[in-house]
N, C-alpha and C. Protein backbone atom coordinates (compact mmCIF):
# COMPACT_ATOMS: atom_id res chain seq x y z
N MET A 1 0.84 -1.18 0.00
CA MET A 1 0.00 0.00 0.00
C MET A 1 0.88 1.24 0.00
N LEU A 2 0.55 2.21 -0.82
CA LEU A 2 1.28 3.47 -0.88
C LEU A 2 0.52 4.53 -0.08
N LYS A 3 1.27 5.40 0.58
CA LYS A 3 0.65 6.45 1.38
C LYS A 3 1.28 7.80 1.03
N HIS A 4 0.45 8.75 0.62
CA HIS A 4 0.92 10.09 0.28
C HIS A 4 1.02 10.93 1.55
N ASN A 5 2.16 11.62 1.72
CA ASN A 5 2.38 12.53 2.85
C ASN A 5 2.68 13.91 2.29
N SER A 6 2.11 14.93 2.93
CA SER A 6 2.36 16.31 2.54
C SER A 6 2.63 17.12 3.80
N TYR A 7 3.74 17.86 3.81
CA TYR A 7 4.15 18.66 4.97
C TYR A 7 4.42 20.09 4.53
N PHE A 8 4.34 21.02 5.48
CA PHE A 8 4.72 22.42 5.24
C PHE A 8 3.99 23.00 4.03
N ASP A 9 2.65 22.89 4.07
CA ASP A 9 1.81 23.43 3.00
C ASP A 9 2.23 22.93 1.62
N GLY A 10 2.63 21.67 1.54
CA GLY A 10 3.00 21.06 0.27
C GLY A 10 4.45 21.24 -0.12
N GLY A 11 5.25 21.91 0.73
CA GLY A 11 6.67 22.13 0.42
C GLY A 11 7.49 20.86 0.43
N VAL A 12 7.03 19.85 1.17
CA VAL A 12 7.67 18.54 1.19
C VAL A 12 6.56 17.51 0.98
N GLN A 13 6.75 16.67 -0.03
CA GLN A 13 5.76 15.63 -0.31
C GLN A 13 6.47 14.31 -0.53
N SER A 14 5.83 13.23 -0.05
CA SER A 14 6.45 11.92 -0.19
C SER A 14 5.40 10.84 -0.36
N ILE A 15 5.88 9.71 -0.81
CA ILE A 15 5.08 8.49 -0.89
C ILE A 15 5.73 7.47 0.04
N GLY A 16 4.97 6.98 1.01
CA GLY A 16 5.46 5.97 1.94
C GLY A 16 5.13 4.58 1.44
N PHE A 17 6.04 3.64 1.72
CA PHE A 17 5.82 2.25 1.32
C PHE A 17 6.59 1.33 2.25
N GLU A 18 6.30 0.05 2.17
CA GLU A 18 7.01 -0.95 2.95
C GLU A 18 7.44 -2.06 2.01
N ARG A 19 8.69 -2.52 2.19
CA ARG A 19 9.23 -3.58 1.35
C ARG A 19 10.08 -4.49 2.21
N HIS A 20 9.80 -5.79 2.19
CA HIS A 20 10.54 -6.77 2.97
C HIS A 20 10.57 -6.42 4.45
N GLY A 21 9.48 -5.83 4.94
CA GLY A 21 9.37 -5.48 6.35
C GLY A 21 10.03 -4.18 6.75
N PHE A 22 10.61 -3.45 5.79
CA PHE A 22 11.26 -2.17 6.09
C PHE A 22 10.43 -1.03 5.53
N LYS A 23 10.26 0.03 6.32
CA LYS A 23 9.49 1.19 5.89
C LYS A 23 10.42 2.23 5.28
N ALA A 24 9.89 2.93 4.27
CA ALA A 24 10.66 3.97 3.59
C ALA A 24 9.69 4.97 2.98
N THR A 25 10.23 6.13 2.63
CA THR A 25 9.49 7.11 1.84
C THR A 25 10.41 7.63 0.75
N VAL A 26 9.82 8.02 -0.35
CA VAL A 26 10.56 8.69 -1.41
C VAL A 26 9.79 9.98 -1.71
N GLY A 27 10.53 11.09 -1.83
CA GLY A 27 9.82 12.34 -1.98
C GLY A 27 10.65 13.46 -2.55
N VAL A 28 10.05 14.65 -2.52
CA VAL A 28 10.67 15.86 -3.05
C VAL A 28 10.54 16.98 -2.03
N ILE A 29 11.62 17.73 -1.87
CA ILE A 29 11.65 18.90 -0.99
C ILE A 29 11.78 20.13 -1.87
N ALA A 30 10.81 21.03 -1.78
CA ALA A 30 10.85 22.28 -2.54
C ALA A 30 11.89 23.21 -1.92
N THR A 31 12.32 24.19 -2.69
CA THR A 31 13.27 25.17 -2.20
C THR A 31 12.74 25.76 -0.89
N GLY A 32 13.60 25.77 0.13
CA GLY A 32 13.21 26.30 1.43
C GLY A 32 13.93 25.56 2.54
N GLU A 33 13.56 25.89 3.78
CA GLU A 33 14.15 25.25 4.96
C GLU A 33 13.04 24.66 5.81
N TYR A 34 13.26 23.44 6.31
CA TYR A 34 12.23 22.71 7.04
C TYR A 34 12.86 21.99 8.23
N HIS A 35 12.07 21.79 9.29
CA HIS A 35 12.54 21.04 10.46
C HIS A 35 11.67 19.80 10.64
N PHE A 36 12.32 18.67 10.88
CA PHE A 36 11.64 17.40 11.13
C PHE A 36 12.10 16.82 12.45
N ASN A 37 11.19 16.20 13.18
CA ASN A 37 11.52 15.41 14.36
C ASN A 37 11.47 13.94 13.96
N THR A 38 12.27 13.12 14.62
CA THR A 38 12.31 11.70 14.29
C THR A 38 11.86 10.86 15.48
N GLY A 39 11.19 9.77 15.18
CA GLY A 39 10.89 8.74 16.17
C GLY A 39 11.92 7.64 16.01
N ALA A 40 11.93 7.03 14.83
CA ALA A 40 12.90 5.99 14.49
C ALA A 40 14.14 6.63 13.86
N ALA A 41 15.25 5.93 13.91
CA ALA A 41 16.45 6.38 13.20
C ALA A 41 16.17 6.33 11.70
N GLU A 42 16.76 7.27 10.96
CA GLU A 42 16.51 7.38 9.52
C GLU A 42 17.81 7.55 8.75
N ARG A 43 17.80 7.08 7.51
CA ARG A 43 18.89 7.35 6.56
C ARG A 43 18.27 8.09 5.39
N MET A 44 18.74 9.31 5.15
CA MET A 44 18.24 10.13 4.05
C MET A 44 19.27 10.11 2.93
N THR A 45 18.90 9.53 1.79
CA THR A 45 19.76 9.50 0.61
C THR A 45 19.23 10.51 -0.39
N VAL A 46 20.10 11.39 -0.85
CA VAL A 46 19.71 12.40 -1.84
C VAL A 46 19.75 11.72 -3.21
N ILE A 47 18.63 11.75 -3.90
CA ILE A 47 18.52 11.10 -5.21
C ILE A 47 18.82 12.07 -6.33
N SER A 48 18.36 13.31 -6.16
CA SER A 48 18.54 14.33 -7.20
C SER A 48 18.62 15.69 -6.52
N GLY A 49 19.48 16.56 -7.04
CA GLY A 49 19.61 17.89 -6.47
C GLY A 49 20.63 17.94 -5.34
N LEU A 50 20.46 18.92 -4.47
CA LEU A 50 21.39 19.16 -3.37
C LEU A 50 20.61 19.53 -2.13
N LEU A 51 20.91 18.86 -1.03
CA LEU A 51 20.32 19.20 0.26
C LEU A 51 21.41 19.65 1.22
N ARG A 52 21.05 20.57 2.10
CA ARG A 52 21.88 20.92 3.24
C ARG A 52 21.13 20.41 4.45
N ALA A 53 21.85 19.81 5.41
CA ALA A 53 21.21 19.27 6.60
C ALA A 53 22.01 19.64 7.84
N ARG A 54 21.27 19.82 8.94
CA ARG A 54 21.89 20.11 10.23
C ARG A 54 21.18 19.25 11.27
N LEU A 55 21.94 18.32 11.84
CA LEU A 55 21.39 17.50 12.91
C LEU A 55 21.34 18.34 14.18
N THR A 56 20.50 17.95 15.13
CA THR A 56 20.38 18.68 16.38
C THR A 56 21.76 18.88 17.00
N GLY A 57 22.11 20.14 17.25
CA GLY A 57 23.41 20.47 17.85
C GLY A 57 24.58 20.46 16.90
N GLY A 58 24.34 20.20 15.62
CA GLY A 58 25.43 20.11 14.65
C GLY A 58 25.53 21.32 13.74
N GLU A 59 26.41 21.22 12.77
CA GLU A 59 26.64 22.26 11.77
C GLU A 59 25.97 21.87 10.46
N TRP A 60 25.68 22.87 9.62
CA TRP A 60 25.14 22.60 8.29
C TRP A 60 26.18 21.85 7.46
N GLN A 61 25.74 20.82 6.74
CA GLN A 61 26.58 20.09 5.81
C GLN A 61 25.82 19.90 4.51
N GLN A 62 26.55 19.86 3.39
CA GLN A 62 25.94 19.69 2.08
C GLN A 62 25.95 18.22 1.68
N TYR A 63 24.85 17.81 1.02
CA TYR A 63 24.71 16.45 0.54
C TYR A 63 24.21 16.48 -0.90
N PRO A 64 25.11 16.28 -1.87
CA PRO A 64 24.69 16.22 -3.27
C PRO A 64 24.08 14.85 -3.59
N ALA A 65 23.50 14.74 -4.76
CA ALA A 65 22.90 13.48 -5.20
C ALA A 65 23.91 12.34 -5.06
N GLY A 66 23.43 11.21 -4.53
CA GLY A 66 24.27 10.03 -4.36
C GLY A 66 24.87 9.92 -2.96
N THR A 67 24.67 10.92 -2.11
CA THR A 67 25.19 10.87 -0.74
C THR A 67 24.03 10.73 0.24
N TYR A 68 24.36 10.43 1.51
CA TYR A 68 23.31 10.27 2.52
C TYR A 68 23.79 10.76 3.87
N PHE A 69 22.84 10.96 4.76
CA PHE A 69 23.13 11.26 6.16
C PHE A 69 22.15 10.48 7.02
N GLU A 70 22.56 10.19 8.25
CA GLU A 70 21.72 9.43 9.16
C GLU A 70 21.32 10.29 10.35
N ILE A 71 20.09 10.10 10.79
CA ILE A 71 19.53 10.85 11.91
C ILE A 71 19.20 9.87 13.02
N PRO A 72 19.67 10.13 14.24
CA PRO A 72 19.36 9.22 15.35
C PRO A 72 17.86 9.23 15.68
N ALA A 73 17.42 8.15 16.31
CA ALA A 73 16.04 8.07 16.78
C ALA A 73 15.78 9.14 17.84
N ASN A 74 14.53 9.57 17.91
CA ASN A 74 14.09 10.52 18.93
C ASN A 74 14.92 11.80 18.95
N SER A 75 15.18 12.34 17.77
CA SER A 75 15.93 13.59 17.66
C SER A 75 15.25 14.43 16.58
N GLY A 76 16.01 15.23 15.89
CA GLY A 76 15.46 16.05 14.82
C GLY A 76 16.55 16.55 13.92
N PHE A 77 16.13 17.19 12.83
CA PHE A 77 17.10 17.78 11.91
C PHE A 77 16.43 18.87 11.09
N ASP A 78 17.26 19.80 10.64
CA ASP A 78 16.83 20.83 9.71
C ASP A 78 17.35 20.45 8.34
N VAL A 79 16.58 20.73 7.32
CA VAL A 79 17.00 20.43 5.96
C VAL A 79 16.65 21.62 5.07
N GLN A 80 17.54 21.90 4.11
CA GLN A 80 17.34 22.99 3.16
C GLN A 80 17.54 22.47 1.73
N ALA A 81 16.65 22.87 0.86
CA ALA A 81 16.86 22.74 -0.58
C ALA A 81 17.09 24.17 -1.04
N VAL A 82 18.32 24.50 -1.41
CA VAL A 82 18.66 25.90 -1.68
C VAL A 82 18.78 26.23 -3.16
N SER A 83 19.05 25.25 -3.99
CA SER A 83 19.25 25.55 -5.41
C SER A 83 18.18 24.91 -6.28
N GLY A 84 16.99 24.74 -5.71
CA GLY A 84 15.88 24.11 -6.43
C GLY A 84 15.44 22.86 -5.70
N PRO A 85 14.36 22.24 -6.16
CA PRO A 85 13.84 21.05 -5.50
C PRO A 85 14.88 19.92 -5.47
N ALA A 86 14.79 19.09 -4.44
CA ALA A 86 15.68 17.93 -4.31
C ALA A 86 14.85 16.70 -3.98
N ALA A 87 15.20 15.58 -4.56
CA ALA A 87 14.50 14.32 -4.31
C ALA A 87 15.31 13.47 -3.35
N TYR A 88 14.60 12.67 -2.54
CA TYR A 88 15.27 11.86 -1.52
C TYR A 88 14.58 10.51 -1.33
N LEU A 89 15.33 9.60 -0.74
CA LEU A 89 14.82 8.33 -0.24
C LEU A 89 15.09 8.33 1.26
N CYS A 90 14.07 8.16 2.07
CA CYS A 90 14.23 8.07 3.52
C CYS A 90 13.94 6.64 3.95
N GLU A 91 14.95 5.98 4.50
CA GLU A 91 14.79 4.61 5.00
C GLU A 91 14.78 4.66 6.52
N PHE A 92 13.79 4.01 7.11
CA PHE A 92 13.70 3.93 8.56
C PHE A 92 14.54 2.74 8.99
N ILE A 93 15.64 3.01 9.70
CA ILE A 93 16.62 1.96 9.96
C ILE A 93 16.48 1.35 11.35
N SER A 94 15.51 1.83 12.14
CA SER A 94 15.14 1.16 13.39
C SER A 94 13.73 1.60 13.74
N SER A 95 13.13 0.87 14.67
CA SER A 95 11.75 1.23 15.03
C SER A 95 11.68 1.77 16.43
């Protein structure tokens, strides 16, 4: 089953799915800055474009297409798409 998610007045949209017992989403982040809180640990892989991310208490880092960053469970992160929309795959790596 596919599930559509829309956040920040449509600025971030994704499709959630489950495969082999693992949950994931694939989506697009419009130009802008957004904050997310996490329950489970996540791995965000940039598929297209460029994202900047800052984990709680950390510094901004750039992630071009083909790179990823991991977010601990029960924390949060800020993300920016600064040079146009960026596509991502978010894999939930723990529950």
